[in-house]
Amino acid sequence: MTIRIDPETELLVKSQMQAHGYTSPAELIAAALQQFSQDNLEMCPEDLNAILEVGVRELDAGEGVPAAKAILNVQSELLKRRQPKQP
């Protein structure tokens, strides 16, 4: 398979390969897709609906946040859910 990417994305791929020790773009992409799949499986539909409901209420109240902050909030929540629970 041949995939065409823009120069900016190519630089990102190369920097991530170097930063994380991947030996090929295919290896990096495979790892990224595995992580993406795992992240999406870890959030059940009920959790996603709850998060979306909060967001809709905030938007309705004029309390929206920029997309970048919203993404960081979701990523943070996913990281918290991966942490082992303390007894």
Protein backbone atom coordinates (compact mmCIF):
# COMPACT_ATOMS: atom_id res chain seq x y z
CA MET A 1 0.00 0.00 0.00
CA THR A 2 1.21 3.46 -0.81
CA ILE A 3 0.13 6.38 1.36
CA ARG A 4 0.79 9.97 0.37
CA ILE A 5 1.23 12.53 3.12
CA ASP A 6 1.99 16.21 3.11
CA PRO A 7 5.52 17.41 4.01
CA GLU A 8 4.44 18.61 7.46
CA THR A 9 3.03 15.19 8.35
CA GLU A 10 6.17 13.52 6.99
CA LEU A 11 8.28 15.60 9.38
CA LEU A 12 5.98 14.61 12.24
CA VAL A 13 6.33 10.92 11.35
CA LYS A 14 10.11 11.19 11.19
CA SER A 15 10.33 13.05 14.51
CA GLN A 16 8.07 10.53 16.24
CA MET A 17 10.08 7.64 14.81
CA GLN A 18 13.27 9.14 16.19
CA ALA A 19 11.74 10.11 19.54
CA HIS A 20 10.23 6.68 20.19
CA GLY A 21 12.72 4.39 18.48
CA TYR A 22 10.58 3.13 15.62
CA THR A 23 12.57 1.76 12.70
CA SER A 24 10.02 2.42 9.97
CA PRO A 25 6.96 4.52 9.27
CA ALA A 26 4.90 1.33 9.09
CA GLU A 27 5.98 0.37 12.62
CA LEU A 28 5.05 3.83 13.94
CA ILE A 29 1.67 3.82 12.19
CA ALA A 30 0.89 0.31 13.46
CA ALA A 31 1.67 1.35 17.04
CA ALA A 32 -0.39 4.53 16.68
CA LEU A 33 -3.36 2.62 15.29
CA GLN A 34 -3.16 0.05 18.10
CA GLN A 35 -3.15 2.85 20.67
CA PHE A 36 -6.02 4.59 18.90
CA SER A 37 -8.05 1.38 18.88
CA GLN A 38 -7.32 0.74 22.55
CA ASP A 39 -8.26 4.31 23.51
CA ASN A 40 -11.57 4.02 21.69
CA LEU A 41 -12.39 0.65 23.22
CA GLU A 42 -11.73 1.90 26.73
CA MET A 43 -14.47 4.50 26.58
CA CYS A 44 -17.84 2.83 26.76
CA PRO A 45 -20.81 4.48 25.05
CA GLU A 46 -22.31 5.54 28.38
CA ASP A 47 -19.13 7.40 29.35
CA LEU A 48 -18.93 9.10 25.98
CA ASN A 49 -22.60 10.12 26.18
CA ALA A 50 -22.07 11.57 29.66
CA ILE A 51 -19.12 13.63 28.46
CA LEU A 52 -21.05 14.82 25.42
CA GLU A 53 -24.05 15.78 27.57
CA VAL A 54 -21.82 17.93 29.78
CA GLY A 55 -20.39 19.58 26.68
CA VAL A 56 -23.81 20.31 25.22
CA ARG A 57 -24.99 21.83 28.51
CA GLU A 58 -21.86 24.00 28.67
CA LEU A 59 -22.34 25.17 25.09
CA ASP A 60 -26.00 25.94 25.74
CA ALA A 61 -24.92 28.02 28.75
CA GLY A 62 -22.30 29.86 26.69
CA GLU A 63 -19.45 28.10 28.46
CA GLY A 64 -17.82 26.42 25.49
CA VAL A 65 -14.08 25.75 25.42
CA PRO A 66 -11.70 25.82 22.45
CA ALA A 67 -11.38 22.49 20.62
CA ALA A 68 -7.73 22.02 21.67
CA LYS A 69 -8.68 22.32 25.34
CA ALA A 70 -11.60 19.93 24.89
CA ILE A 71 -9.28 17.35 23.33
CA LEU A 72 -6.81 17.71 26.19
CA ASN A 73 -9.65 17.24 28.68
CA VAL A 74 -10.75 14.01 27.00
CA GLN A 75 -7.17 12.72 26.82
CA SER A 76 -6.69 13.54 30.49
CA GLU A 77 -9.85 11.64 31.39
CA LEU A 78 -8.67 8.61 29.42
CA LEU A 79 -5.31 8.67 31.21
CA LYS A 80 -7.08 8.80 34.58
CA ARG A 81 -9.15 5.76 33.64
CA ARG A 82 -5.99 3.81 32.78
CA GLN A 83 -4.47 4.44 36.22
CA PRO A 84 -4.77 1.48 38.58
CA LYS A 85 -7.30 2.18 41.29
CA GLN A 86 -5.83 2.73 44.74
CA PRO A 87 -7.23 0.47 47.50
